[in-house]
């Protein structure tokens, strides 16, 4: 499965080898923190940053936290992560989902 883009708020997903995905939005990366029946809760991957967002179970953006990131956006990190994962997928792939 290639990383896909959700046109709602410019969200894209990067599949990881461990079966999970990273969410990329506005040049920030988020990891899935938890999942309920109707929502997914995503937390910024930068240590100490408390920014989080919510999507529905179909990966449609719902809302974000009331605080801003305490660091600058990093489009280079997103590009590097995406390229690294694409190279790993060439070796072998599987379906990825927020667990």
PDB file of N, CA and C in Angstrom:
ATOM      1  N   UNK A   1       0.845  -1.175   0.000  1.00  0.00           N
ATOM      2  CA  UNK A   1       0.000   0.000   0.000  1.00  0.00           C
ATOM      3  C   UNK A   1       0.885   1.230   0.000  1.00  0.00           C
ATOM      4  N   UNK A   2       0.715   2.096  -0.944  1.00  0.00           N
ATOM      5  CA  UNK A   2       1.472   3.333  -0.983  1.00  0.00           C
ATOM      6  C   UNK A   2       0.895   4.318   0.008  1.00  0.00           C
ATOM      7  N   UNK A   3       1.718   5.291   0.413  1.00  0.00           N
ATOM      8  CA  UNK A   3       1.202   6.366   1.251  1.00  0.00           C
ATOM      9  C   UNK A   3       0.152   7.106   0.441  1.00  0.00           C
ATOM     10  N   UNK A   4      -0.970   7.412   1.060  1.00  0.00           N
ATOM     11  CA  UNK A   4      -2.010   8.113   0.321  1.00  0.00           C
ATOM     12  C   UNK A   4      -2.289   9.448   0.975  1.00  0.00           C
ATOM     13  N   UNK A   5      -2.902  10.332   0.203  1.00  0.00           N
ATOM     14  CA  UNK A   5      -3.199  11.679   0.673  1.00  0.00           C
ATOM     15  C   UNK A   5      -4.695  11.827   0.817  1.00  0.00           C
ATOM     16  N   UNK A   6      -5.123  12.321   1.954  1.00  0.00           N
ATOM     17  CA  UNK A   6      -6.514  12.651   2.217  1.00  0.00           C
ATOM     18  C   UNK A   6      -6.624  14.148   1.951  1.00  0.00           C
ATOM     19  N   UNK A   7      -7.450  14.563   1.013  1.00  0.00           N
ATOM     20  CA  UNK A   7      -7.517  15.972   0.631  1.00  0.00           C
ATOM     21  C   UNK A   7      -8.056  16.848   1.744  1.00  0.00           C
ATOM     22  N   UNK A   8      -8.645  16.268   2.755  1.00  0.00           N
ATOM     23  CA  UNK A   8      -9.155  17.004   3.896  1.00  0.00           C
ATOM     24  C   UNK A   8      -7.977  17.431   4.774  1.00  0.00           C
ATOM     25  N   UNK A   9      -7.622  18.727   4.778  1.00  0.00           N
ATOM     26  CA  UNK A   9      -6.525  19.274   5.580  1.00  0.00           C
ATOM     27  C   UNK A   9      -5.153  18.736   5.191  1.00  0.00           C
ATOM     28  N   UNK A  10      -4.979  18.297   3.955  1.00  0.00           N
ATOM     29  CA  UNK A  10      -3.678  17.866   3.458  1.00  0.00           C
ATOM     30  C   UNK A  10      -3.044  16.789   4.346  1.00  0.00           C
ATOM     31  N   UNK A  11      -3.804  15.772   4.666  1.00  0.00           N
ATOM     32  CA  UNK A  11      -3.324  14.662   5.477  1.00  0.00           C
ATOM     33  C   UNK A  11      -2.782  13.576   4.553  1.00  0.00           C
ATOM     34  N   UNK A  12      -1.620  13.033   4.912  1.00  0.00           N
ATOM     35  CA  UNK A  12      -1.112  11.853   4.217  1.00  0.00           C
ATOM     36  C   UNK A  12      -0.612  10.869   5.266  1.00  0.00           C
ATOM     37  N   UNK A  13      -0.452   9.628   4.858  1.00  0.00           N
ATOM     38  CA  UNK A  13      -0.045   8.582   5.777  1.00  0.00           C
ATOM     39  C   UNK A  13       1.202   7.892   5.260  1.00  0.00           C
ATOM     40  N   UNK A  14       2.082   7.531   6.187  1.00  0.00           N
ATOM     41  CA  UNK A  14       3.309   6.822   5.857  1.00  0.00           C
ATOM     42  C   UNK A  14       3.258   5.476   6.577  1.00  0.00           C
ATOM     43  N   UNK A  15       3.161   4.375   5.838  1.00  0.00           N
ATOM     44  CA  UNK A  15       3.133   3.057   6.484  1.00  0.00           C
ATOM     45  C   UNK A  15       4.497   2.708   7.073  1.00  0.00           C
ATOM     46  N   UNK A  16       4.489   2.056   8.219  1.00  0.00           N
ATOM     47  CA  UNK A  16       5.714   1.638   8.886  1.00  0.00           C
ATOM     48  C   UNK A  16       5.825   0.117   8.870  1.00  0.00           C
ATOM     49  N   UNK A  17       7.026  -0.383   9.075  1.00  0.00           N
ATOM     50  CA  UNK A  17       7.258  -1.828   9.057  1.00  0.00           C
ATOM     51  C   UNK A  17       6.565  -2.562  10.191  1.00  0.00           C
ATOM     52  N   UNK A  18       6.287  -1.899  11.291  1.00  0.00           N
ATOM     53  CA  UNK A  18       5.674  -2.562  12.440  1.00  0.00           C
ATOM     54  C   UNK A  18       4.156  -2.681  12.310  1.00  0.00           C
ATOM     55  N   UNK A  19       3.612  -2.336  11.149  1.00  0.00           N
ATOM     56  CA  UNK A  19       2.179  -2.465  10.920  1.00  0.00           C
ATOM     57  C   UNK A  19       1.387  -1.218  11.243  1.00  0.00           C
ATOM     58  N   UNK A  20       2.040  -0.196  11.731  1.00  0.00           N
ATOM     59  CA  UNK A  20       1.346   1.047  12.035  1.00  0.00           C
ATOM     60  C   UNK A  20       1.623   2.068  10.939  1.00  0.00           C
ATOM     61  N   UNK A  21       1.071   3.270  11.112  1.00  0.00           N
ATOM     62  CA  UNK A  21       1.290   4.349  10.148  1.00  0.00           C
ATOM     63  C   UNK A  21       1.612   5.631  10.898  1.00  0.00           C
ATOM     64  N   UNK A  22       2.314   6.517  10.217  1.00  0.00           N
ATOM     65  CA  UNK A  22       2.478   7.885  10.690  1.00  0.00           C
ATOM     66  C   UNK A  22       1.537   8.761   9.885  1.00  0.00           C
ATOM     67  N   UNK A  23       0.980   9.763  10.526  1.00  0.00           N
ATOM     68  CA  UNK A  23       0.125  10.734   9.855  1.00  0.00           C
ATOM     69  C   UNK A  23       0.952  11.997   9.652  1.00  0.00           C
ATOM     70  N   UNK A  24       0.981  12.513   8.435  1.00  0.00           N
ATOM     71  CA  UNK A  24       1.681  13.758   8.126  1.00  0.00           C
ATOM     72  C   UNK A  24       0.642  14.823   7.809  1.00  0.00           C
ATOM     73  N   UNK A  25       0.728  15.955   8.516  1.00  0.00           N
ATOM     74  CA  UNK A  25      -0.194  17.057   8.266  1.00  0.00           C
ATOM     75  C   UNK A  25       0.523  18.371   8.547  1.00  0.00           C
ATOM     76  N   UNK A  26       0.469  19.282   7.588  1.00  0.00           N
ATOM     77  CA  UNK A  26       1.069  20.611   7.738  1.00  0.00           C
ATOM     78  C   UNK A  26       2.539  20.548   8.155  1.00  0.00           C
ATOM     79  N   UNK A  27       3.281  19.614   7.579  1.00  0.00           N
ATOM     80  CA  UNK A  27       4.715  19.439   7.803  1.00  0.00           C
ATOM     81  C   UNK A  27       5.067  18.963   9.209  1.00  0.00           C
ATOM     82  N   UNK A  28       4.125  18.316   9.886  1.00  0.00           N
ATOM     83  CA  UNK A  28       4.365  17.686  11.181  1.00  0.00           C
ATOM     84  C   UNK A  28       3.985  16.218  11.075  1.00  0.00           C
ATOM     85  N   UNK A  29       4.656  15.376  11.862  1.00  0.00           N
ATOM     86  CA  UNK A  29       4.358  13.947  11.884  1.00  0.00           C
ATOM     87  C   UNK A  29       3.700  13.558  13.201  1.00  0.00           C
ATOM     88  N   UNK A  30       2.726  12.660  13.106  1.00  0.00           N
ATOM     89  CA  UNK A  30       1.991  12.176  14.271  1.00  0.00           C
ATOM     90  C   UNK A  30       1.968  10.656  14.257  1.00  0.00           C
ATOM     91  N   UNK A  31       2.060  10.065  15.439  1.00  0.00           N
ATOM     92  CA  UNK A  31       1.891   8.629  15.591  1.00  0.00           C
ATOM     93  C   UNK A  31       0.558   8.350  16.251  1.00  0.00           C
ATOM     94  N   UNK A  32      -0.046   7.227  15.909  1.00  0.00           N
ATOM     95  CA  UNK A  32      -1.336   6.873  16.495  1.00  0.00           C
ATOM     96  C   UNK A  32      -1.130   6.526  17.965  1.00  0.00           C
ATOM     97  N   UNK A  33      -1.791   7.275  18.832  1.00  0.00           N
ATOM     98  CA  UNK A  33      -1.653   7.102  20.268  1.00  0.00           C
ATOM     99  C   UNK A  33      -2.647   6.080  20.800  1.00  0.00           C
ATOM    100  N   UNK A  34      -3.878   6.143  20.304  1.00  0.00           N
ATOM    101  CA  UNK A  34      -4.884   5.143  20.660  1.00  0.00           C
ATOM    102  C   UNK A  34      -6.020   5.202  19.653  1.00  0.00           C
ATOM    103  N   UNK A  35      -6.877   4.199  19.728  1.00  0.00           N
ATOM    104  CA  UNK A  35      -7.978   4.101  18.781  1.00  0.00           C
ATOM    105  C   UNK A  35      -9.224   3.658  19.528  1.00  0.00           C
ATOM    106  N   UNK A  36     -10.340   4.317  19.246  1.00  0.00           N
ATOM    107  CA  UNK A  36     -11.627   3.892  19.787  1.00  0.00           C
ATOM    108  C   UNK A  36     -12.474   3.388  18.623  1.00  0.00           C
ATOM    109  N   UNK A  37     -13.707   3.086  18.882  1.00  0.00           N
ATOM    110  CA  UNK A  37     -14.591   2.573  17.833  1.00  0.00           C
ATOM    111  C   UNK A  37     -14.771   3.599  16.718  1.00  0.00           C
ATOM    112  N   UNK A  38     -14.864   4.883  17.074  1.00  0.00           N
ATOM    113  CA  UNK A  38     -15.161   5.909  16.076  1.00  0.00           C
ATOM    114  C   UNK A  38     -14.033   6.896  15.822  1.00  0.00           C
ATOM    115  N   UNK A  39     -12.981   6.912  16.649  1.00  0.00           N
ATOM    116  CA  UNK A  39     -11.918   7.906  16.515  1.00  0.00           C
ATOM    117  C   UNK A  39     -10.542   7.278  16.617  1.00  0.00           C
ATOM    118  N   UNK A  40      -9.584   7.992  16.007  1.00  0.00           N
ATOM    119  CA  UNK A  40      -8.168   7.695  16.199  1.00  0.00           C
ATOM    120  C   UNK A  40      -7.537   8.942  16.795  1.00  0.00           C
ATOM    121  N   UNK A  41      -6.667   8.746  17.755  1.00  0.00           N
ATOM    122  CA  UNK A  41      -6.006   9.838  18.449  1.00  0.00           C
ATOM    123  C   UNK A  41      -4.530   9.807  18.072  1.00  0.00           C
ATOM    124  N   UNK A  42      -4.050  10.912  17.508  1.00  0.00           N
ATOM    125  CA  UNK A  42      -2.689  10.998  17.001  1.00  0.00           C
ATOM    126  C   UNK A  42      -1.912  12.026  17.808  1.00  0.00           C
ATOM    127  N   UNK A  43      -0.652  11.696  18.175  1.00  0.00           N
ATOM    128  CA  UNK A  43       0.203  12.580  18.963  1.00  0.00           C
ATOM    129  C   UNK A  43       1.452  12.903  18.154  1.00  0.00           C
ATOM    130  N   UNK A  44       1.900  14.149  18.253  1.00  0.00           N
ATOM    131  CA  UNK A  44       3.131  14.561  17.568  1.00  0.00           C
ATOM    132  C   UNK A  44       4.273  13.640  17.998  1.00  0.00           C
ATOM    133  N   UNK A  45       5.132  13.250  17.041  1.00  0.00           N
ATOM    134  CA  UNK A  45       6.205  12.301  17.345  1.00  0.00           C
ATOM    135  C   UNK A  45       7.416  12.944  18.015  1.00  0.00           C
ATOM    136  N   UNK A  46       7.471  14.274  18.093  1.00  0.00           N
ATOM    137  CA  UNK A  46       8.609  14.944  18.721  1.00  0.00           C
ATOM    138  C   UNK A  46       8.463  14.849  20.238  1.00  0.00           C
ATOM    139  N   UNK A  47       9.494  14.325  20.902  1.00  0.00           N
ATOM    140  CA  UNK A  47       9.459  14.182  22.359  1.00  0.00           C
ATOM    141  C   UNK A  47       9.165  15.511  23.036  1.00  0.00           C
ATOM    142  N   UNK A  48       8.222  15.503  23.960  1.00  0.00           N
ATOM    143  CA  UNK A  48       7.879  16.693  24.721  1.00  0.00           C
ATOM    144  C   UNK A  48       6.802  17.551  24.096  1.00  0.00           C
ATOM    145  N   UNK A  49       6.522  17.377  22.820  1.00  0.00           N
ATOM    146  CA  UNK A  49       5.473  18.164  22.166  1.00  0.00           C
ATOM    147  C   UNK A  49       4.122  17.556  22.532  1.00  0.00           C
ATOM    148  N   UNK A  50       3.194  18.396  22.974  1.00  0.00           N
ATOM    149  CA  UNK A  50       1.889  17.901  23.422  1.00  0.00           C
ATOM    150  C   UNK A  50       0.795  18.062  22.376  1.00  0.00           C
ATOM    151  N   UNK A  51       1.148  18.476  21.179  1.00  0.00           N
ATOM    152  CA  UNK A  51       0.152  18.657  20.126  1.00  0.00           C
ATOM    153  C   UNK A  51      -0.427  17.310  19.709  1.00  0.00           C
ATOM    154  N   UNK A  52      -1.741  17.281  19.493  1.00  0.00           N
ATOM    155  CA  UNK A  52      -2.406  16.060  19.070  1.00  0.00           C
ATOM    156  C   UNK A  52      -3.559  16.409  18.142  1.00  0.00           C
ATOM    157  N   UNK A  53      -3.973  15.431  17.354  1.00  0.00           N
ATOM    158  CA  UNK A  53      -5.131  15.609  16.480  1.00  0.00           C
ATOM    159  C   UNK A  53      -5.999  14.359  16.552  1.00  0.00           C
ATOM    160  N   UNK A  54      -7.232  14.499  16.107  1.00  0.00           N
ATOM    161  CA  UNK A  54      -8.175  13.381  16.069  1.00  0.00           C
ATOM    162  C   UNK A  54      -8.655  13.200  14.637  1.00  0.00           C
ATOM    163  N   UNK A  55      -8.795  11.951  14.231  1.00  0.00           N
ATOM    164  CA  UNK A  55      -9.428  11.623  12.957  1.00  0.00           C
ATOM    165  C   UNK A  55     -10.549  10.628  13.250  1.00  0.00           C
ATOM    166  N   UNK A  56     -11.464  10.511  12.309  1.00  0.00           N
ATOM    167  CA  UNK A  56     -12.480   9.472  12.483  1.00  0.00           C
ATOM    168  C   UNK A  56     -11.894   8.142  12.013  1.00  0.00           C
ATOM    169  N   UNK A  57     -12.675   7.093  12.086  1.00  0.00           N
ATOM    170  CA  UNK A  57     -12.178   5.770  11.732  1.00  0.00           C
ATOM    171  C   UNK A  57     -11.845   5.644  10.244  1.00  0.00           C
ATOM    172  N   UNK A  58     -12.331   6.580   9.423  1.00  0.00           N
ATOM    173  CA  UNK A  58     -12.024   6.612   7.989  1.00  0.00           C
ATOM    174  C   UNK A  58     -10.894   7.578   7.665  1.00  0.00           C
ATOM    175  N   UNK A  59     -10.154   8.004   8.689  1.00  0.00           N
ATOM    176  CA  UNK A  59      -8.997   8.897   8.552  1.00  0.00           C
ATOM    177  C   UNK A  59      -9.358  10.302   8.076  1.00  0.00           C
ATOM    178  N   UNK A  60     -10.562  10.754   8.375  1.00  0.00           N
ATOM    179  CA  UNK A  60     -10.966  12.124   8.078  1.00  0.00           C
ATOM    180  C   UNK A  60     -10.658  12.983   9.300  1.00  0.00           C
ATOM    181  N   UNK A  61      -9.962  14.101   9.076  1.00  0.00           N
ATOM    182  CA  UNK A  61      -9.579  15.004  10.162  1.00  0.00           C
ATOM    183  C   UNK A  61     -10.814  15.530  10.885  1.00  0.00           C
ATOM    184  N   UNK A  62     -10.788  15.485  12.215  1.00  0.00           N
ATOM    185  CA  UNK A  62     -11.888  16.003  13.023  1.00  0.00           C
ATOM    186  C   UNK A  62     -11.501  17.274  13.764  1.00  0.00           C
ATOM    187  N   UNK A  63     -10.398  17.242  14.520  1.00  0.00           N
ATOM    188  CA  UNK A  63      -9.997  18.417  15.302  1.00  0.00           C
ATOM    189  C   UNK A  63      -8.561  18.244  15.771  1.00  0.00           C
ATOM    190  N   UNK A  64      -8.035  19.315  16.359  1.00  0.00           N
ATOM    191  CA  UNK A  64      -6.687  19.259  16.924  1.00  0.00           C
ATOM    192  C   UNK A  64      -6.716  19.862  18.316  1.00  0.00           C
ATOM    193  N   UNK A  65      -5.603  19.723  19.014  1.00  0.00           N
ATOM    194  CA  UNK A  65      -5.492  20.267  20.357  1.00  0.00           C
ATOM    195  C   UNK A  65      -5.497  21.785  20.348  1.00  0.00           C
ATOM    196  N   UNK A  66      -5.643  22.348  21.523  1.00  0.00           N
ATOM    197  CA  UNK A  66      -5.716  23.804  21.643  1.00  0.00           C
ATOM    198  C   UNK A  66      -4.346  24.454  21.742  1.00  0.00           C
ATOM    199  N   UNK A  67      -3.303  23.656  21.881  1.00  0.00           N
ATOM    200  CA  UNK A  67      -1.949  24.200  21.951  1.00  0.00           C
ATOM    201  C   UNK A  67      -1.266  24.019  20.603  1.00  0.00           C
ATOM    202  N   UNK A  68      -0.229  24.801  20.375  1.00  0.00           N
ATOM    203  CA  UNK A  68       0.557  24.659  19.154  1.00  0.00           C
ATOM    204  C   UNK A  68       1.778  23.796  19.435  1.00  0.00           C
ATOM    205  N   UNK A  69       2.425  23.376  18.367  1.00  0.00           N
ATOM    206  CA  UNK A  69       3.676  22.633  18.502  1.00  0.00           C
ATOM    207  C   UNK A  69       4.704  23.534  19.173  1.00  0.00           C
ATOM    208  N   UNK A  70       5.608  22.943  19.933  1.00  0.00           N
ATOM    209  CA  UNK A  70       6.671  23.726  20.564  1.00  0.00           C
ATOM    210  C   UNK A  70       7.973  23.627  19.770  1.00  0.00           C
ATOM    211  N   UNK A  71       7.851  23.314  18.476  1.00  0.00           N
ATOM    212  CA  UNK A  71       9.001  23.185  17.584  1.00  0.00           C
ATOM    213  C   UNK A  71       8.562  23.571  16.175  1.00  0.00           C
ATOM    214  N   UNK A  72       9.531  23.767  15.311  1.00  0.00           N
ATOM    215  CA  UNK A  72       9.251  24.147  13.929  1.00  0.00           C
ATOM    216  C   UNK A  72       8.811  22.923  13.120  1.00  0.00           C
ATOM    217  N   UNK A  73       8.027  23.146  12.055  1.00  0.00           N
ATOM    218  CA  UNK A  73       7.681  22.029  11.167  1.00  0.00           C
ATOM    219  C   UNK A  73       8.938  21.500  10.483  1.00  0.00           C
ATOM    220  N   UNK A  74       8.902  20.243  10.066  1.00  0.00           N
ATOM    221  CA  UNK A  74      10.084  19.636   9.470  1.00  0.00           C
ATOM    222  C   UNK A  74       9.698  18.816   8.240  1.00  0.00           C
ATOM    223  N   UNK A  75       9.613  19.483   7.100  1.00  0.00           N
ATOM    224  CA  UNK A  75       9.249  18.782   5.864  1.00  0.00           C
ATOM    225  C   UNK A  75      10.347  17.811   5.430  1.00  0.00           C
ATOM    226  N   UNK A  76      11.609  18.085   5.795  1.00  0.00           N
ATOM    227  CA  UNK A  76      12.698  17.166   5.454  1.00  0.00           C
ATOM    228  C   UNK A  76      12.527  15.827   6.165  1.00  0.00           C
ATOM    229  N   UNK A  77      12.092  15.854   7.417  1.00  0.00           N
ATOM    230  CA  UNK A  77      11.861  14.620   8.164  1.00  0.00           C
ATOM    231  C   UNK A  77      10.757  13.795   7.508  1.00  0.00           C
ATOM    232  N   UNK A  78       9.712  14.451   7.049  1.00  0.00           N
ATOM    233  CA  UNK A  78       8.612  13.742   6.393  1.00  0.00           C
ATOM    234  C   UNK A  78       9.094  13.102   5.096  1.00  0.00           C
ATOM    235  N   UNK A  79       9.824  13.858   4.282  1.00  0.00           N
ATOM    236  CA  UNK A  79      10.350  13.318   3.022  1.00  0.00           C
ATOM    237  C   UNK A  79      11.293  12.141   3.273  1.00  0.00           C
ATOM    238  N   UNK A  80      12.186  12.296   4.243  1.00  0.00           N
ATOM    239  CA  UNK A  80      13.143  11.241   4.562  1.00  0.00           C
ATOM    240  C   UNK A  80      12.434   9.986   5.059  1.00  0.00           C
ATOM    241  N   UNK A  81      11.472  10.158   5.945  1.00  0.00           N
ATOM    242  CA  UNK A  81      10.716   9.018   6.476  1.00  0.00           C
ATOM    243  C   UNK A  81       9.956   8.317   5.367  1.00  0.00           C
ATOM    244  N   UNK A  82       9.315   9.090   4.502  1.00  0.00           N
ATOM    245  CA  UNK A  82       8.544   8.509   3.397  1.00  0.00           C
ATOM    246  C   UNK A  82       9.464   7.720   2.448  1.00  0.00           C
ATOM    247  N   UNK A  83      10.608   8.292   2.091  1.00  0.00           N
ATOM    248  CA  UNK A  83      11.547   7.600   1.198  1.00  0.00           C
ATOM    249  C   UNK A  83      12.098   6.334   1.834  1.00  0.00           C
ATOM    250  N   UNK A  84      12.451   6.404   3.115  1.00  0.00           N
ATOM    251  CA  UNK A  84      12.975   5.241   3.820  1.00  0.00           C
ATOM    252  C   UNK A  84      11.947   4.109   3.824  1.00  0.00           C
ATOM    253  N   UNK A  85      10.697   4.442   4.092  1.00  0.00           N
ATOM    254  CA  UNK A  85       9.651   3.426   4.132  1.00  0.00           C
ATOM    255  C   UNK A  85       9.364   2.857   2.744  1.00  0.00           C
ATOM    256  N   UNK A  86       9.438   3.688   1.705  1.00  0.00           N
ATOM    257  CA  UNK A  86       9.236   3.186   0.348  1.00  0.00           C
ATOM    258  C   UNK A  86      10.325   2.185  -0.021  1.00  0.00           C
ATOM    259  N   UNK A  87      11.566   2.463   0.397  1.00  0.00           N
ATOM    260  CA  UNK A  87      12.654   1.528   0.126  1.00  0.00           C
ATOM    261  C   UNK A  87      12.434   0.220   0.870  1.00  0.00           C
ATOM    262  N   UNK A  88      11.992   0.298   2.119  1.00  0.00           N
ATOM    263  CA  UNK A  88      11.736  -0.911   2.899  1.00  0.00           C
ATOM    264  C   UNK A  88      10.586  -1.714   2.308  1.00  0.00           C
ATOM    265  N   UNK A  89       9.581  -1.039   1.760  1.00  0.00           N
ATOM    266  CA  UNK A  89       8.435  -1.736   1.181  1.00  0.00           C
ATOM    267  C   UNK A  89       8.809  -2.498  -0.085  1.00  0.00           C
ATOM    268  N   UNK A  90       9.828  -2.043  -0.778  1.00  0.00           N
ATOM    269  CA  UNK A  90      10.258  -2.752  -1.986  1.00  0.00           C
ATOM    270  C   UNK A  90      10.738  -4.158  -1.654  1.00  0.00           C
ATOM    271  N   UNK A  91      11.263  -4.312  -0.441  1.00  0.00           N
ATOM    272  CA  UNK A  91      11.740  -5.618  -0.002  1.00  0.00           C
ATOM    273  C   UNK A  91      10.560  -6.533   0.302  1.00  0.00           C
ATOM    274  N   UNK A  92       9.523  -5.999   0.886  1.00  0.00           N
ATOM    275  CA  UNK A  92       8.331  -6.782   1.221  1.00  0.00           C
ATOM    276  C   UNK A  92       7.330  -5.874   1.891  1.00  0.00           C
ATOM    277  N   UNK A  93       6.048  -6.099   1.667  1.00  0.00           N
ATOM    278  CA  UNK A  93       5.046  -5.208   2.227  1.00  0.00           C
ATOM    279  C   UNK A  93       3.867  -5.959   2.786  1.00  0.00           C
ATOM    280  N   UNK A  94       3.084  -5.236   3.544  1.00  0.00           N
ATOM    281  CA  UNK A  94       1.841  -5.771   4.093  1.00  0.00           C
ATOM    282  C   UNK A  94       0.900  -4.609   4.343  1.00  0.00           C
ATOM    283  N   UNK A  95      -0.300  -4.908   4.790  1.00  0.00           N
ATOM    284  CA  UNK A  95      -1.269  -3.863   5.105  1.00  0.00           C
ATOM    285  C   UNK A  95      -0.887  -3.193   6.417  1.00  0.00           C
ATOM    286  N   UNK A  96      -1.146  -1.911   6.525  1.00  0.00           N
ATOM    287  CA  UNK A  96      -0.781  -1.143   7.701  1.00  0.00           C
ATOM    288  C   UNK A  96      -2.018  -0.511   8.297  1.00  0.00           C
ATOM    289  N   UNK A  97      -2.097  -0.509   9.602  1.00  0.00           N
ATOM    290  CA  UNK A  97      -3.266   0.052  10.275  1.00  0.00           C
ATOM    291  C   UNK A  97      -2.858   0.549  11.652  1.00  0.00           C
ATOM    292  N   UNK A  98      -3.568   1.534  12.138  1.00  0.00           N
ATOM    293  CA  UNK A  98      -3.388   2.040  13.493  1.00  0.00           C
ATOM    294  C   UNK A  98      -3.884   0.967  14.453  1.00  0.00           C
ATOM    295  N   UNK A  99      -3.031   0.525  15.353  1.00  0.00           N
ATOM    296  CA  UNK A  99      -3.422  -0.546  16.283  1.00  0.00           C
ATOM    297  C   UNK A  99      -3.686  -0.003  17.653  1.00  0.00           C
TER     298      UNK A  99
END
